[in-house]
C-alpha cells in the first residue's frame, strides 16, 4: 500500500539555524532518504520551497482567484513529502518514526487511493 507522508515543520526555526546546524540537519535528511531508498520503501519525495512562494488557486463565481503566499498562518508549515510503499499502516508509522522531522514538527500519513484496485 502507498502512503504519503506530509512533513510539517517551523520554517522560521529552520531559517534561524546557523550554517553548521543547517548542514548537520540536512545530513540527517539525506541519510534518512538513503535508508528509505535502500529498503525499497520510498518511490518519491522532495522538499518544498517556503510558503512565501506558494500560490493558492480557487474558483469563485466561475472566475479563478489566486492568492500569493501562505493560505493560513500556522505554527507548522508543509515542508515536503515522501511517498512510502509499505505493507500496512504499522510499517508506515515505523518509517515515519525514524524521520528527522518527527523530532521538530509533525508527520501526517495518508493512504493513497489506487484506482486500479477499485471496482
PDB file of N, CA and C in Angstrom:
ATOM      1  N   UNK A   1       0.846  -1.173   0.000  1.00  0.00           N
ATOM      2  CA  UNK A   1       0.000   0.000   0.000  1.00  0.00           C
ATOM      3  C   UNK A   1       0.890   1.234   0.000  1.00  0.00           C
ATOM      4  N   UNK A   2       0.467   2.255  -0.704  1.00  0.00           N
ATOM      5  CA  UNK A   2       1.216   3.507  -0.712  1.00  0.00           C
ATOM      6  C   UNK A   2       0.616   4.494   0.273  1.00  0.00           C
ATOM      7  N   UNK A   3       1.516   5.193   0.953  1.00  0.00           N
ATOM      8  CA  UNK A   3       1.149   6.257   1.876  1.00  0.00           C
ATOM      9  C   UNK A   3       1.933   7.495   1.482  1.00  0.00           C
ATOM     10  N   UNK A   4       1.305   8.656   1.617  1.00  0.00           N
ATOM     11  CA  UNK A   4       2.055   9.899   1.509  1.00  0.00           C
ATOM     12  C   UNK A   4       2.351  10.358   2.927  1.00  0.00           C
ATOM     13  N   UNK A   5       3.585  10.733   3.156  1.00  0.00           N
ATOM     14  CA  UNK A   5       3.981  11.265   4.452  1.00  0.00           C
ATOM     15  C   UNK A   5       4.234  12.755   4.245  1.00  0.00           C
ATOM     16  N   UNK A   6       3.329  13.566   4.750  1.00  0.00           N
ATOM     17  CA  UNK A   6       3.452  15.018   4.663  1.00  0.00           C
ATOM     18  C   UNK A   6       4.237  15.503   5.875  1.00  0.00           C
ATOM     19  N   UNK A   7       5.245  16.308   5.618  1.00  0.00           N
ATOM     20  CA  UNK A   7       6.182  16.727   6.664  1.00  0.00           C
ATOM     21  C   UNK A   7       5.930  18.195   7.006  1.00  0.00           C
ATOM     22  N   UNK A   8       5.537  18.441   8.236  1.00  0.00           N
ATOM     23  CA  UNK A   8       5.256  19.793   8.702  1.00  0.00           C
ATOM     24  C   UNK A   8       6.334  20.228   9.695  1.00  0.00           C
ATOM     25  N   UNK A   9       6.780  21.456   9.574  1.00  0.00           N
ATOM     26  CA  UNK A   9       7.778  21.990  10.485  1.00  0.00           C
ATOM     27  C   UNK A   9       7.656  23.498  10.569  1.00  0.00           C
ATOM     28  N   UNK A  10       8.558  24.098  11.311  1.00  0.00           N
ATOM     29  CA  UNK A  10       8.548  25.545  11.531  1.00  0.00           C
ATOM     30  C   UNK A  10       9.611  26.186  10.642  1.00  0.00           C
ATOM     31  N   UNK A  11       9.181  26.854   9.579  1.00  0.00           N
ATOM     32  CA  UNK A  11      10.110  27.492   8.640  1.00  0.00           C
ATOM     33  C   UNK A  11      10.997  28.527   9.316  1.00  0.00           C
ATOM     34  N   UNK A  12      10.447  29.287  10.249  1.00  0.00           N
ATOM     35  CA  UNK A  12      11.236  30.328  10.916  1.00  0.00           C
ATOM     36  C   UNK A  12      12.357  29.715  11.748  1.00  0.00           C
ATOM     37  N   UNK A  13      12.067  28.624  12.441  1.00  0.00           N
ATOM     38  CA  UNK A  13      13.095  27.955  13.239  1.00  0.00           C
ATOM     39  C   UNK A  13      14.191  27.395  12.339  1.00  0.00           C
ATOM     40  N   UNK A  14      13.798  26.824  11.212  1.00  0.00           N
ATOM     41  CA  UNK A  14      14.791  26.291  10.272  1.00  0.00           C
ATOM     42  C   UNK A  14      15.681  27.412   9.729  1.00  0.00           C
ATOM     43  N   UNK A  15      15.076  28.547   9.392  1.00  0.00           N
ATOM     44  CA  UNK A  15      15.826  29.669   8.836  1.00  0.00           C
ATOM     45  C   UNK A  15      16.777  30.286   9.868  1.00  0.00           C
ATOM     46  N   UNK A  16      16.473  30.128  11.149  1.00  0.00           N
ATOM     47  CA  UNK A  16      17.296  30.710  12.208  1.00  0.00           C
ATOM     48  C   UNK A  16      18.528  29.864  12.540  1.00  0.00           C
ATOM     49  N   UNK A  17      18.622  28.671  11.954  1.00  0.00           N
ATOM     50  CA  UNK A  17      19.777  27.800  12.234  1.00  0.00           C
ATOM     51  C   UNK A  17      21.056  28.388  11.641  1.00  0.00           C
ATOM     52  N   UNK A  18      22.159  28.120  12.316  1.00  0.00           N
ATOM     53  CA  UNK A  18      23.459  28.511  11.766  1.00  0.00           C
ATOM     54  C   UNK A  18      23.769  27.612  10.559  1.00  0.00           C
ATOM     55  N   UNK A  19      24.766  27.985   9.787  1.00  0.00           N
ATOM     56  CA  UNK A  19      25.169  27.179   8.622  1.00  0.00           C
ATOM     57  C   UNK A  19      25.556  25.768   9.066  1.00  0.00           C
ATOM     58  N   UNK A  20      26.291  25.654  10.146  1.00  0.00           N
ATOM     59  CA  UNK A  20      26.712  24.337  10.653  1.00  0.00           C
ATOM     60  C   UNK A  20      25.501  23.508  11.076  1.00  0.00           C
ATOM     61  N   UNK A  21      24.537  24.146  11.749  1.00  0.00           N
ATOM     62  CA  UNK A  21      23.323  23.430  12.153  1.00  0.00           C
ATOM     63  C   UNK A  21      22.517  22.987  10.935  1.00  0.00           C
ATOM     64  N   UNK A  22      22.404  23.864   9.934  1.00  0.00           N
ATOM     65  CA  UNK A  22      21.680  23.511   8.707  1.00  0.00           C
ATOM     66  C   UNK A  22      22.351  22.346   7.990  1.00  0.00           C
ATOM     67  N   UNK A  23      23.686  22.364   7.918  1.00  0.00           N
ATOM     68  CA  UNK A  23      24.420  21.277   7.259  1.00  0.00           C
ATOM     69  C   UNK A  23      24.206  19.952   7.993  1.00  0.00           C
ATOM     70  N   UNK A  24      24.257  19.976   9.318  1.00  0.00           N
ATOM     71  CA  UNK A  24      24.038  18.758  10.098  1.00  0.00           C
ATOM     72  C   UNK A  24      22.606  18.253   9.925  1.00  0.00           C
ATOM     73  N   UNK A  25      21.658  19.172   9.946  1.00  0.00           N
ATOM     74  CA  UNK A  25      20.235  18.830   9.785  1.00  0.00           C
ATOM     75  C   UNK A  25      19.998  18.201   8.419  1.00  0.00           C
ATOM     76  N   UNK A  26      20.539  18.802   7.379  1.00  0.00           N
ATOM     77  CA  UNK A  26      20.375  18.257   6.025  1.00  0.00           C
ATOM     78  C   UNK A  26      21.060  16.896   5.904  1.00  0.00           C
ATOM     79  N   UNK A  27      22.163  16.718   6.587  1.00  0.00           N
ATOM     80  CA  UNK A  27      22.832  15.416   6.596  1.00  0.00           C
ATOM     81  C   UNK A  27      21.929  14.318   7.143  1.00  0.00           C
ATOM     82  N   UNK A  28      21.166  14.657   8.175  1.00  0.00           N
ATOM     83  CA  UNK A  28      20.204  13.684   8.727  1.00  0.00           C
ATOM     84  C   UNK A  28      19.140  13.331   7.696  1.00  0.00           C
ATOM     85  N   UNK A  29      18.653  14.350   6.982  1.00  0.00           N
ATOM     86  CA  UNK A  29      17.617  14.118   5.968  1.00  0.00           C
ATOM     87  C   UNK A  29      18.155  13.269   4.828  1.00  0.00           C
ATOM     88  N   UNK A  30      19.390  13.556   4.373  1.00  0.00           N
ATOM     89  CA  UNK A  30      19.972  12.766   3.286  1.00  0.00           C
ATOM     90  C   UNK A  30      20.151  11.310   3.708  1.00  0.00           C
ATOM     91  N   UNK A  31      20.588  11.087   4.942  1.00  0.00           N
ATOM     92  CA  UNK A  31      20.766   9.720   5.448  1.00  0.00           C
ATOM     93  C   UNK A  31      19.425   8.993   5.533  1.00  0.00           C
ATOM     94  N   UNK A  32      18.398   9.675   6.009  1.00  0.00           N
ATOM     95  CA  UNK A  32      17.057   9.074   6.105  1.00  0.00           C
ATOM     96  C   UNK A  32      16.531   8.722   4.716  1.00  0.00           C
ATOM     97  N   UNK A  33      16.692   9.642   3.763  1.00  0.00           N
ATOM     98  CA  UNK A  33      16.236   9.407   2.394  1.00  0.00           C
ATOM     99  C   UNK A  33      16.953   8.202   1.792  1.00  0.00           C
ATOM    100  N   UNK A  34      18.250   8.107   2.020  1.00  0.00           N
ATOM    101  CA  UNK A  34      19.020   6.970   1.502  1.00  0.00           C
ATOM    102  C   UNK A  34      18.554   5.657   2.141  1.00  0.00           C
ATOM    103  N   UNK A  35      18.257   5.677   3.434  1.00  0.00           N
ATOM    104  CA  UNK A  35      17.758   4.479   4.116  1.00  0.00           C
ATOM    105  C   UNK A  35      16.421   4.031   3.519  1.00  0.00           C
ATOM    106  N   UNK A  36      15.523   4.987   3.257  1.00  0.00           N
ATOM    107  CA  UNK A  36      14.237   4.666   2.632  1.00  0.00           C
ATOM    108  C   UNK A  36      14.441   4.038   1.254  1.00  0.00           C
ATOM    109  N   UNK A  37      15.331   4.625   0.477  1.00  0.00           N
ATOM    110  CA  UNK A  37      15.570   4.125  -0.891  1.00  0.00           C
ATOM    111  C   UNK A  37      16.206   2.743  -0.878  1.00  0.00           C
ATOM    112  N   UNK A  38      17.213   2.540  -0.038  1.00  0.00           N
ATOM    113  CA  UNK A  38      17.878   1.228   0.034  1.00  0.00           C
ATOM    114  C   UNK A  38      16.916   0.132   0.461  1.00  0.00           C
ATOM    115  N   UNK A  39      15.950   0.471   1.320  1.00  0.00           N
ATOM    116  CA  UNK A  39      14.970  -0.509   1.798  1.00  0.00           C
ATOM    117  C   UNK A  39      13.837  -0.723   0.790  1.00  0.00           C
ATOM    118  N   UNK A  40      13.818   0.049  -0.288  1.00  0.00           N
ATOM    119  CA  UNK A  40      12.753  -0.058  -1.282  1.00  0.00           C
ATOM    120  C   UNK A  40      11.431   0.517  -0.805  1.00  0.00           C
ATOM    121  N   UNK A  41      11.462   1.386   0.183  1.00  0.00           N
ATOM    122  CA  UNK A  41      10.242   1.947   0.774  1.00  0.00           C
ATOM    123  C   UNK A  41       9.808   3.227   0.066  1.00  0.00           C
ATOM    124  N   UNK A  42      10.762   4.055  -0.363  1.00  0.00           N
ATOM    125  CA  UNK A  42      10.417   5.351  -0.937  1.00  0.00           C
ATOM    126  C   UNK A  42      10.428   5.300  -2.456  1.00  0.00           C
ATOM    127  N   UNK A  43       9.340   5.752  -3.053  1.00  0.00           N
ATOM    128  CA  UNK A  43       9.291   5.857  -4.510  1.00  0.00           C
ATOM    129  C   UNK A  43       9.367   7.301  -4.969  1.00  0.00           C
ATOM    130  N   UNK A  44       9.196   8.242  -4.050  1.00  0.00           N
ATOM    131  CA  UNK A  44       9.269   9.664  -4.383  1.00  0.00           C
ATOM    132  C   UNK A  44       9.328  10.474  -3.094  1.00  0.00           C
ATOM    133  N   UNK A  45       9.862  11.665  -3.216  1.00  0.00           N
ATOM    134  CA  UNK A  45       9.894  12.574  -2.080  1.00  0.00           C
ATOM    135  C   UNK A  45      10.742  13.778  -2.408  1.00  0.00           C
ATOM    136  N   UNK A  46      10.318  14.920  -1.933  1.00  0.00           N
ATOM    137  CA  UNK A  46      11.051  16.156  -2.190  1.00  0.00           C
ATOM    138  C   UNK A  46      10.710  17.185  -1.127  1.00  0.00           C
ATOM    139  N   UNK A  47      11.664  18.086  -0.855  1.00  0.00           N
ATOM    140  CA  UNK A  47      11.338  19.237  -0.016  1.00  0.00           C
ATOM    141  C   UNK A  47      10.592  20.267  -0.855  1.00  0.00           C
ATOM    142  N   UNK A  48       9.909  21.154  -0.198  1.00  0.00           N
ATOM    143  CA  UNK A  48       9.189  22.233  -0.866  1.00  0.00           C
ATOM    144  C   UNK A  48       9.866  23.571  -0.558  1.00  0.00           C
ATOM    145  N   UNK A  49       9.718  24.530  -1.469  1.00  0.00           N
ATOM    146  CA  UNK A  49      10.184  25.884  -1.191  1.00  0.00           C
ATOM    147  C   UNK A  49       9.312  26.460  -0.076  1.00  0.00           C
ATOM    148  N   UNK A  50       9.760  27.534   0.589  1.00  0.00           N
ATOM    149  CA  UNK A  50       8.987  28.111   1.698  1.00  0.00           C
ATOM    150  C   UNK A  50       7.573  28.536   1.281  1.00  0.00           C
ATOM    151  N   UNK A  51       6.702  28.632   2.266  1.00  0.00           N
ATOM    152  CA  UNK A  51       5.311  29.004   1.998  1.00  0.00           C
ATOM    153  C   UNK A  51       5.186  30.389   1.371  1.00  0.00           C
ATOM    154  N   UNK A  52       6.197  31.229   1.528  1.00  0.00           N
ATOM    155  CA  UNK A  52       6.150  32.557   0.908  1.00  0.00           C
ATOM    156  C   UNK A  52       6.141  32.467  -0.617  1.00  0.00           C
ATOM    157  N   UNK A  53       6.500  31.314  -1.184  1.00  0.00           N
ATOM    158  CA  UNK A  53       6.487  31.118  -2.637  1.00  0.00           C
ATOM    159  C   UNK A  53       5.182  30.493  -3.118  1.00  0.00           C
ATOM    160  N   UNK A  54       4.277  30.191  -2.208  1.00  0.00           N
ATOM    161  CA  UNK A  54       3.039  29.495  -2.550  1.00  0.00           C
ATOM    162  C   UNK A  54       2.038  30.412  -3.243  1.00  0.00           C
ATOM    163  N   UNK A  55       1.217  29.809  -4.069  1.00  0.00           N
ATOM    164  CA  UNK A  55       0.078  30.491  -4.684  1.00  0.00           C
ATOM    165  C   UNK A  55      -1.138  29.607  -4.468  1.00  0.00           C
ATOM    166  N   UNK A  56      -2.185  30.164  -3.900  1.00  0.00           N
ATOM    167  CA  UNK A  56      -3.434  29.444  -3.681  1.00  0.00           C
ATOM    168  C   UNK A  56      -4.380  29.781  -4.825  1.00  0.00           C
ATOM    169  N   UNK A  57      -4.993  28.752  -5.407  1.00  0.00           N
ATOM    170  CA  UNK A  57      -5.895  28.935  -6.548  1.00  0.00           C
ATOM    171  C   UNK A  57      -7.290  28.473  -6.147  1.00  0.00           C
ATOM    172  N   UNK A  58      -8.287  29.320  -6.421  1.00  0.00           N
ATOM    173  CA  UNK A  58      -9.680  28.991  -6.139  1.00  0.00           C
ATOM    174  C   UNK A  58     -10.534  29.423  -7.322  1.00  0.00           C
ATOM    175  N   UNK A  59     -11.673  28.793  -7.439  1.00  0.00           N
ATOM    176  CA  UNK A  59     -12.666  29.235  -8.406  1.00  0.00           C
ATOM    177  C   UNK A  59     -13.814  29.835  -7.602  1.00  0.00           C
ATOM    178  N   UNK A  60     -14.117  31.101  -7.864  1.00  0.00           N
ATOM    179  CA  UNK A  60     -15.193  31.781  -7.144  1.00  0.00           C
ATOM    180  C   UNK A  60     -16.114  32.426  -8.177  1.00  0.00           C
ATOM    181  N   UNK A  61     -17.358  32.011  -8.147  1.00  0.00           N
ATOM    182  CA  UNK A  61     -18.355  32.523  -9.094  1.00  0.00           C
ATOM    183  C   UNK A  61     -17.889  32.358 -10.539  1.00  0.00           C
ATOM    184  N   UNK A  62     -17.247  31.225 -10.829  1.00  0.00           N
ATOM    185  CA  UNK A  62     -16.802  30.924 -12.180  1.00  0.00           C
ATOM    186  C   UNK A  62     -15.520  31.618 -12.599  1.00  0.00           C
ATOM    187  N   UNK A  63     -14.897  32.352 -11.699  1.00  0.00           N
ATOM    188  CA  UNK A  63     -13.649  33.041 -12.017  1.00  0.00           C
ATOM    189  C   UNK A  63     -12.529  32.484 -11.148  1.00  0.00           C
ATOM    190  N   UNK A  64     -11.337  32.416 -11.729  1.00  0.00           N
ATOM    191  CA  UNK A  64     -10.171  31.946 -10.985  1.00  0.00           C
ATOM    192  C   UNK A  64      -9.619  33.104 -10.156  1.00  0.00           C
ATOM    193  N   UNK A  65      -9.408  32.825  -8.871  1.00  0.00           N
ATOM    194  CA  UNK A  65      -8.850  33.806  -7.946  1.00  0.00           C
ATOM    195  C   UNK A  65      -7.565  33.209  -7.380  1.00  0.00           C
ATOM    196  N   UNK A  66      -6.481  33.966  -7.455  1.00  0.00           N
ATOM    197  CA  UNK A  66      -5.219  33.491  -6.894  1.00  0.00           C
ATOM    198  C   UNK A  66      -4.809  34.388  -5.738  1.00  0.00           C
ATOM    199  N   UNK A  67      -4.185  33.771  -4.746  1.00  0.00           N
ATOM    200  CA  UNK A  67      -3.646  34.488  -3.597  1.00  0.00           C
ATOM    201  C   UNK A  67      -2.191  34.074  -3.464  1.00  0.00           C
ATOM    202  N   UNK A  68      -1.307  35.042  -3.370  1.00  0.00           N
ATOM    203  CA  UNK A  68       0.113  34.740  -3.234  1.00  0.00           C
ATOM    204  C   UNK A  68       0.476  34.594  -1.765  1.00  0.00           C
ATOM    205  N   UNK A  69       1.414  33.703  -1.520  1.00  0.00           N
ATOM    206  CA  UNK A  69       1.878  33.481  -0.163  1.00  0.00           C
ATOM    207  C   UNK A  69       1.065  32.407   0.533  1.00  0.00           C
ATOM    208  N   UNK A  70       1.350  32.211   1.793  1.00  0.00           N
ATOM    209  CA  UNK A  70       0.680  31.123   2.524  1.00  0.00           C
ATOM    210  C   UNK A  70      -0.820  31.383   2.665  1.00  0.00           C
ATOM    211  N   UNK A  71      -1.570  30.309   2.632  1.00  0.00           N
ATOM    212  CA  UNK A  71      -3.018  30.391   2.770  1.00  0.00           C
ATOM    213  C   UNK A  71      -3.409  30.710   4.207  1.00  0.00           C
ATOM    214  N   UNK A  72      -2.725  30.083   5.162  1.00  0.00           N
ATOM    215  CA  UNK A  72      -3.095  30.262   6.572  1.00  0.00           C
ATOM    216  C   UNK A  72      -1.838  30.456   7.409  1.00  0.00           C
ATOM    217  N   UNK A  73      -1.943  31.261   8.423  1.00  0.00           N
ATOM    218  CA  UNK A  73      -0.857  31.428   9.374  1.00  0.00           C
ATOM    219  C   UNK A  73      -0.957  30.296  10.397  1.00  0.00           C
ATOM    220  N   UNK A  74       0.050  29.457  10.423  1.00  0.00           N
ATOM    221  CA  UNK A  74       0.062  28.334  11.348  1.00  0.00           C
ATOM    222  C   UNK A  74       1.436  28.212  11.984  1.00  0.00           C
ATOM    223  N   UNK A  75       1.511  27.455  13.055  1.00  0.00           N
ATOM    224  CA  UNK A  75       2.789  27.227  13.728  1.00  0.00           C
ATOM    225  C   UNK A  75       3.696  26.359  12.862  1.00  0.00           C
ATOM    226  N   UNK A  76       3.112  25.395  12.154  1.00  0.00           N
ATOM    227  CA  UNK A  76       3.875  24.489  11.298  1.00  0.00           C
ATOM    228  C   UNK A  76       3.421  24.641   9.843  1.00  0.00           C
ATOM    229  N   UNK A  77       4.376  24.503   8.939  1.00  0.00           N
ATOM    230  CA  UNK A  77       4.080  24.625   7.521  1.00  0.00           C
ATOM    231  C   UNK A  77       4.480  23.331   6.811  1.00  0.00           C
ATOM    232  N   UNK A  78       3.779  23.011   5.728  1.00  0.00           N
ATOM    233  CA  UNK A  78       4.122  21.847   4.921  1.00  0.00           C
ATOM    234  C   UNK A  78       5.463  22.112   4.258  1.00  0.00           C
ATOM    235  N   UNK A  79       6.437  21.248   4.535  1.00  0.00           N
ATOM    236  CA  UNK A  79       7.784  21.474   4.027  1.00  0.00           C
ATOM    237  C   UNK A  79       8.269  20.440   3.033  1.00  0.00           C
ATOM    238  N   UNK A  80       7.554  19.329   2.919  1.00  0.00           N
ATOM    239  CA  UNK A  80       7.977  18.292   1.988  1.00  0.00           C
ATOM    240  C   UNK A  80       7.143  17.047   2.157  1.00  0.00           C
ATOM    241  N   UNK A  81       7.530  16.024   1.409  1.00  0.00           N
ATOM    242  CA  UNK A  81       6.759  14.781   1.448  1.00  0.00           C
ATOM    243  C   UNK A  81       7.618  13.608   1.000  1.00  0.00           C
ATOM    244  N   UNK A  82       7.202  12.427   1.350  1.00  0.00           N
ATOM    245  CA  UNK A  82       7.707  11.175   0.806  1.00  0.00           C
ATOM    246  C   UNK A  82       6.504  10.329   0.429  1.00  0.00           C
ATOM    247  N   UNK A  83       6.634   9.549  -0.619  1.00  0.00           N
ATOM    248  CA  UNK A  83       5.659   8.502  -0.926  1.00  0.00           C
ATOM    249  C   UNK A  83       6.288   7.205  -0.432  1.00  0.00           C
ATOM    250  N   UNK A  84       5.587   6.515   0.456  1.00  0.00           N
ATOM    251  CA  UNK A  84       6.100   5.293   1.073  1.00  0.00           C
ATOM    252  C   UNK A  84       5.337   4.087   0.546  1.00  0.00           C
ATOM    253  N   UNK A  85       6.058   3.031   0.219  1.00  0.00           N
ATOM    254  CA  UNK A  85       5.456   1.760  -0.184  1.00  0.00           C
ATOM    255  C   UNK A  85       5.584   0.806   0.993  1.00  0.00           C
ATOM    256  N   UNK A  86       4.510   0.635   1.737  1.00  0.00           N
ATOM    257  CA  UNK A  86       4.535  -0.164   2.965  1.00  0.00           C
ATOM    258  C   UNK A  86       3.425  -1.213   2.919  1.00  0.00           C
ATOM    259  N   UNK A  87       3.642  -2.293   3.668  1.00  0.00           N
ATOM    260  CA  UNK A  87       2.629  -3.358   3.683  1.00  0.00           C
ATOM    261  C   UNK A  87       1.371  -2.927   4.425  1.00  0.00           C
ATOM    262  N   UNK A  88       1.531  -2.002   5.406  1.00  0.00           N
ATOM    263  CA  UNK A  88       0.375  -1.550   6.184  1.00  0.00           C
ATOM    264  C   UNK A  88       0.734  -0.273   6.942  1.00  0.00           C
ATOM    265  N   UNK A  89      -0.250   0.260   7.661  1.00  0.00           N
ATOM    266  CA  UNK A  89      -0.047   1.496   8.411  1.00  0.00           C
ATOM    267  C   UNK A  89       1.031   1.341   9.478  1.00  0.00           C
ATOM    268  N   UNK A  90       1.099   0.185  10.117  1.00  0.00           N
ATOM    269  CA  UNK A  90       2.113  -0.017  11.154  1.00  0.00           C
ATOM    270  C   UNK A  90       3.525   0.147  10.592  1.00  0.00           C
ATOM    271  N   UNK A  91       3.767  -0.393   9.395  1.00  0.00           N
ATOM    272  CA  UNK A  91       5.084  -0.236   8.785  1.00  0.00           C
ATOM    273  C   UNK A  91       5.330   1.227   8.417  1.00  0.00           C
ATOM    274  N   UNK A  92       4.300   1.915   7.914  1.00  0.00           N
ATOM    275  CA  UNK A  92       4.441   3.332   7.574  1.00  0.00           C
ATOM    276  C   UNK A  92       4.768   4.149   8.825  1.00  0.00           C
ATOM    277  N   UNK A  93       4.127   3.847   9.934  1.00  0.00           N
ATOM    278  CA  UNK A  93       4.409   4.545  11.200  1.00  0.00           C
ATOM    279  C   UNK A  93       5.835   4.276  11.649  1.00  0.00           C
ATOM    280  N   UNK A  94       6.302   3.050  11.498  1.00  0.00           N
ATOM    281  CA  UNK A  94       7.669   2.715  11.886  1.00  0.00           C
ATOM    282  C   UNK A  94       8.679   3.543  11.091  1.00  0.00           C
ATOM    283  N   UNK A  95       8.457   3.686   9.783  1.00  0.00           N
ATOM    284  CA  UNK A  95       9.356   4.506   8.969  1.00  0.00           C
ATOM    285  C   UNK A  95       9.214   5.980   9.318  1.00  0.00           C
ATOM    286  N   UNK A  96       8.011   6.456   9.561  1.00  0.00           N
ATOM    287  CA  UNK A  96       7.807   7.853   9.927  1.00  0.00           C
ATOM    288  C   UNK A  96       8.516   8.177  11.242  1.00  0.00           C
ATOM    289  N   UNK A  97       8.532   7.230  12.151  1.00  0.00           N
ATOM    290  CA  UNK A  97       9.160   7.479  13.455  1.00  0.00           C
ATOM    291  C   UNK A  97      10.667   7.691  13.329  1.00  0.00           C
ATOM    292  N   UNK A  98      11.270   7.234  12.234  1.00  0.00           N
ATOM    293  CA  UNK A  98      12.702   7.443  12.000  1.00  0.00           C
ATOM    294  C   UNK A  98      13.002   8.777  11.327  1.00  0.00           C
ATOM    295  N   UNK A  99      11.986   9.459  10.842  1.00  0.00           N
ATOM    296  CA  UNK A  99      12.161  10.691  10.079  1.00  0.00           C
ATOM    297  C   UNK A  99      12.664  11.817  10.988  1.00  0.00           C
ATOM    298  N   UNK A 100      13.708  12.550  10.569  1.00  0.00           N
ATOM    299  CA  UNK A 100      14.188  13.658  11.394  1.00  0.00           C
ATOM    300  C   UNK A 100      13.095  14.674  11.725  1.00  0.00           C
ATOM    301  N   UNK A 101      12.149  14.882  10.821  1.00  0.00           N
ATOM    302  CA  UNK A 101      11.081  15.849  11.054  1.00  0.00           C
ATOM    303  C   UNK A 101      10.149  15.482  12.189  1.00  0.00           C
ATOM    304  N   UNK A 102      10.140  14.227  12.600  1.00  0.00           N
ATOM    305  CA  UNK A 102       9.287  13.806  13.713  1.00  0.00           C
ATOM    306  C   UNK A 102       9.741  14.447  15.026  1.00  0.00           C
ATOM    307  N   UNK A 103      11.025  14.817  15.105  1.00  0.00           N
ATOM    308  CA  UNK A 103      11.551  15.425  16.334  1.00  0.00           C
ATOM    309  C   UNK A 103      11.212  16.899  16.458  1.00  0.00           C
ATOM    310  N   UNK A 104      10.993  17.582  15.343  1.00  0.00           N
ATOM    311  CA  UNK A 104      10.825  19.029  15.395  1.00  0.00           C
ATOM    312  C   UNK A 104       9.474  19.506  14.885  1.00  0.00           C
ATOM    313  N   UNK A 105       8.704  18.622  14.277  1.00  0.00           N
ATOM    314  CA  UNK A 105       7.416  19.004  13.714  1.00  0.00           C
ATOM    315  C   UNK A 105       6.443  17.853  13.809  1.00  0.00           C
ATOM    316  N   UNK A 106       5.626  17.706  12.791  1.00  0.00           N
ATOM    317  CA  UNK A 106       4.677  16.590  12.774  1.00  0.00           C
ATOM    318  C   UNK A 106       4.647  15.990  11.378  1.00  0.00           C
ATOM    319  N   UNK A 107       4.263  14.734  11.333  1.00  0.00           N
ATOM    320  CA  UNK A 107       4.179  13.993  10.079  1.00  0.00           C
ATOM    321  C   UNK A 107       2.759  13.475   9.933  1.00  0.00           C
ATOM    322  N   UNK A 108       2.183  13.686   8.779  1.00  0.00           N
ATOM    323  CA  UNK A 108       0.835  13.177   8.501  1.00  0.00           C
ATOM    324  C   UNK A 108       0.964  12.040   7.498  1.00  0.00           C
ATOM    325  N   UNK A 109       0.475  10.864   7.860  1.00  0.00           N
ATOM    326  CA  UNK A 109       0.448   9.711   6.960  1.00  0.00           C
ATOM    327  C   UNK A 109      -0.959   9.546   6.424  1.00  0.00           C
ATOM    328  N   UNK A 110      -1.077   9.456   5.095  1.00  0.00           N
ATOM    329  CA  UNK A 110      -2.390   9.234   4.482  1.00  0.00           C
ATOM    330  C   UNK A 110      -2.249   8.205   3.385  1.00  0.00           C
ATOM    331  N   UNK A 111      -3.149   7.213   3.378  1.00  0.00           N
ATOM    332  CA  UNK A 111      -3.108   6.233   2.291  1.00  0.00           C
ATOM    333  C   UNK A 111      -3.443   6.902   0.962  1.00  0.00           C
ATOM    334  N   UNK A 112      -2.775   6.445  -0.085  1.00  0.00           N
ATOM    335  CA  UNK A 112      -3.024   6.949  -1.431  1.00  0.00           C
ATOM    336  C   UNK A 112      -4.026   6.025  -2.108  1.00  0.00           C
ATOM    337  N   UNK A 113      -5.048   6.588  -2.704  1.00  0.00           N
ATOM    338  CA  UNK A 113      -6.070   5.801  -3.395  1.00  0.00           C
ATOM    339  C   UNK A 113      -5.452   5.192  -4.649  1.00  0.00           C
ATOM    340  N   UNK A 114      -5.646   3.895  -4.819  1.00  0.00           N
ATOM    341  CA  UNK A 114      -5.181   3.191  -6.012  1.00  0.00           C
ATOM    342  C   UNK A 114      -6.417   2.852  -6.836  1.00  0.00           C
ATOM    343  N   UNK A 115      -6.719   3.661  -7.828  1.00  0.00           N
ATOM    344  CA  UNK A 115      -7.928   3.454  -8.632  1.00  0.00           C
ATOM    345  C   UNK A 115      -7.904   2.136  -9.400  1.00  0.00           C
ATOM    346  N   UNK A 116      -6.714   1.603  -9.668  1.00  0.00           N
ATOM    347  CA  UNK A 116      -6.646   0.329 -10.400  1.00  0.00           C
ATOM    348  C   UNK A 116      -7.169  -0.828  -9.552  1.00  0.00           C
ATOM    349  N   UNK A 117      -7.249  -0.634  -8.253  1.00  0.00           N
ATOM    350  CA  UNK A 117      -7.738  -1.677  -7.344  1.00  0.00           C
ATOM    351  C   UNK A 117      -9.238  -1.534  -7.062  1.00  0.00           C
ATOM    352  N   UNK A 118      -9.877  -0.532  -7.657  1.00  0.00           N
ATOM    353  CA  UNK A 118     -11.287  -0.286  -7.383  1.00  0.00           C
ATOM    354  C   UNK A 118     -12.143  -0.905  -8.486  1.00  0.00           C
ATOM    355  N   UNK A 119     -13.320  -1.349  -8.079  1.00  0.00           N
ATOM    356  CA  UNK A 119     -14.373  -1.932  -8.841  1.00  0.00           C
ATOM    357  C   UNK A 119     -14.200  -2.091 -10.282  1.00  0.00           C
TER     358      UNK A 119
END
